[in-house]
Amino acid sequence: MKKIIALILVSLMLVSLASCGGGSEPSGYEGTYKCTYANLLDYPLEGEDAPGVTLEVKEGGKLVWTSDEDVSEFDYTIDGTTMTITSAGLDVATAKLEGDQIIIDDWYGLGFAYTFDKQ
């Protein structure tokens, strides 16, 4: 009888440990986004004139910013329709999530604004 109870307890512990591990839930915003609008120091760029910047939003709170040949990795969290982008624990930008768009009003405090559309 003790062996059966011990076996049941061990099984319950393994199930509870398995349910605790394994990363975060998908946010629903995962995918690749292309810059369709930018405002760089009051100089708006749209459509074909927009900079060749893409965002890849990955599961587990990871974001990859690609600009020409420059690739930078960031972390992100989502609270409702707000995405906070961080690097080394410091806030880089706060973005609004609107449908299939990510809208950044101020990148790195430089006054650069970007709109990204999901591809």
Protein backbone atom coordinates (compact mmCIF):
# COMPACT_ATOMS: atom_id res chain seq x y z
CA MET A 1 0.00 0.00 0.00
CA LYS A 2 2.85 2.42 0.85
CA LYS A 3 4.46 1.76 -2.54
CA ILE A 4 1.23 2.60 -4.35
CA ILE A 5 0.79 5.86 -2.40
CA ALA A 6 4.44 6.77 -3.02
CA LEU A 7 4.04 6.05 -6.73
CA ILE A 8 0.91 8.23 -6.90
CA LEU A 9 2.68 11.09 -5.08
CA VAL A 10 5.71 10.89 -7.38
CA SER A 11 3.43 10.91 -10.44
CA LEU A 12 1.57 13.99 -9.14
CA MET A 13 4.84 15.79 -8.47
CA LEU A 14 6.11 15.06 -12.00
CA VAL A 15 2.88 16.31 -13.56
CA SER A 16 2.98 19.50 -11.49
CA LEU A 17 6.63 20.15 -12.40
CA ALA A 18 5.94 19.57 -16.08
CA SER A 19 3.08 22.04 -16.04
CA CYS A 20 5.25 24.74 -14.43
CA GLY A 21 8.12 24.58 -16.90
CA GLY A 22 8.40 25.29 -20.56
CA GLY A 23 8.26 29.01 -21.23
CA SER A 24 5.45 31.45 -21.70
CA GLU A 25 2.20 31.30 -23.61
CA PRO A 26 2.21 32.63 -27.16
CA SER A 27 1.11 36.28 -27.25
CA GLY A 28 -0.78 36.04 -30.54
CA TYR A 29 1.51 38.71 -32.01
CA GLU A 30 4.28 36.35 -33.13
CA GLY A 31 5.41 36.83 -36.70
CA THR A 32 7.32 39.17 -39.00
CA TYR A 33 6.41 42.85 -39.29
CA LYS A 34 7.66 45.26 -41.97
CA CYS A 35 8.12 48.98 -41.43
CA THR A 36 5.52 50.86 -43.53
CA TYR A 37 5.92 54.30 -41.94
CA ALA A 38 8.68 56.10 -40.10
CA ASN A 39 9.08 59.62 -38.77
CA LEU A 40 12.74 60.37 -38.22
CA LEU A 41 13.31 63.79 -36.63
CA ASP A 42 10.11 65.21 -38.19
CA TYR A 43 10.95 63.71 -41.60
CA PRO A 44 8.13 61.29 -42.53
CA LEU A 45 8.85 58.26 -44.73
CA GLU A 46 6.04 56.07 -46.10
CA GLY A 47 5.55 53.14 -48.43
CA GLU A 48 8.59 52.54 -50.64
CA ASP A 49 10.46 55.36 -48.88
CA ALA A 50 10.07 53.72 -45.45
CA PRO A 51 13.30 52.30 -44.06
CA GLY A 52 13.97 48.61 -44.68
CA VAL A 53 13.38 47.61 -41.07
CA THR A 54 11.64 44.43 -39.94
CA LEU A 55 10.63 43.12 -36.54
CA GLU A 56 10.38 39.43 -35.82
CA VAL A 57 8.26 38.85 -32.74
CA LYS A 58 9.07 35.44 -31.29
CA GLU A 59 7.55 33.30 -28.56
CA GLY A 60 9.07 33.59 -25.13
CA GLY A 61 9.29 37.38 -25.16
CA LYS A 62 12.05 37.71 -27.78
CA LEU A 63 12.09 40.31 -30.56
CA VAL A 64 14.58 40.67 -33.43
CA TRP A 65 15.07 44.08 -35.11
CA THR A 66 16.67 43.86 -38.57
CA SER A 67 17.78 46.97 -40.43
CA ASP A 68 19.78 46.39 -43.60
CA GLU A 69 22.51 44.06 -42.34
CA ASP A 70 22.23 45.09 -38.68
CA VAL A 71 20.44 42.59 -36.43
CA SER A 72 19.61 43.39 -32.80
CA GLU A 73 17.81 41.24 -30.25
CA PHE A 74 15.48 42.57 -27.56
CA ASP A 75 13.07 41.28 -24.96
CA TYR A 76 9.42 42.26 -24.80
CA THR A 77 6.42 41.99 -22.53
CA ILE A 78 2.79 42.57 -23.42
CA ASP A 79 0.16 44.07 -21.13
CA GLY A 80 -3.17 44.34 -22.94
CA THR A 81 -2.43 46.31 -26.11
CA THR A 82 0.91 47.69 -24.93
CA MET A 83 4.26 46.09 -25.77
CA THR A 84 7.28 47.14 -23.72
CA ILE A 85 10.59 46.50 -25.49
CA THR A 86 13.71 46.17 -23.35
CA SER A 87 17.43 45.60 -23.75
CA ALA A 88 19.61 44.50 -20.83
CA GLY A 89 16.72 45.32 -18.49
CA LEU A 90 16.34 48.91 -19.74
CA ASP A 91 13.23 50.15 -21.55
CA VAL A 92 13.92 50.86 -25.22
CA ALA A 93 10.39 51.67 -26.39
CA THR A 94 6.72 51.28 -25.65
CA ALA A 95 4.59 50.18 -28.58
CA LYS A 96 0.85 50.14 -29.21
CA LEU A 97 -0.60 46.93 -30.62
CA GLU A 98 -3.46 47.67 -33.00
CA GLY A 99 -4.73 44.73 -35.03
CA ASP A 100 -1.86 43.63 -37.28
CA GLN A 101 0.23 46.71 -36.50
CA ILE A 102 2.94 47.55 -34.00
CA ILE A 103 3.25 51.31 -33.51
CA ILE A 104 6.34 52.72 -31.78
CA ASP A 105 6.16 56.43 -30.90
CA ASP A 106 9.67 56.91 -29.53
CA TRP A 107 12.57 54.51 -30.19
CA TYR A 108 15.38 54.79 -27.61
CA GLY A 109 14.18 58.28 -26.63
CA LEU A 110 15.41 59.66 -29.97
CA GLY A 111 12.02 60.79 -31.22
CA PHE A 112 11.99 58.16 -34.00
CA ALA A 113 8.50 56.77 -34.66
CA TYR A 114 7.74 53.60 -36.60
CA THR A 115 4.67 51.70 -37.77
CA PHE A 116 5.08 48.02 -38.61
CA ASP A 117 2.52 45.89 -40.48
CA LYS A 118 2.36 42.14 -40.05
CA GLN A 119 3.45 40.22 -43.15
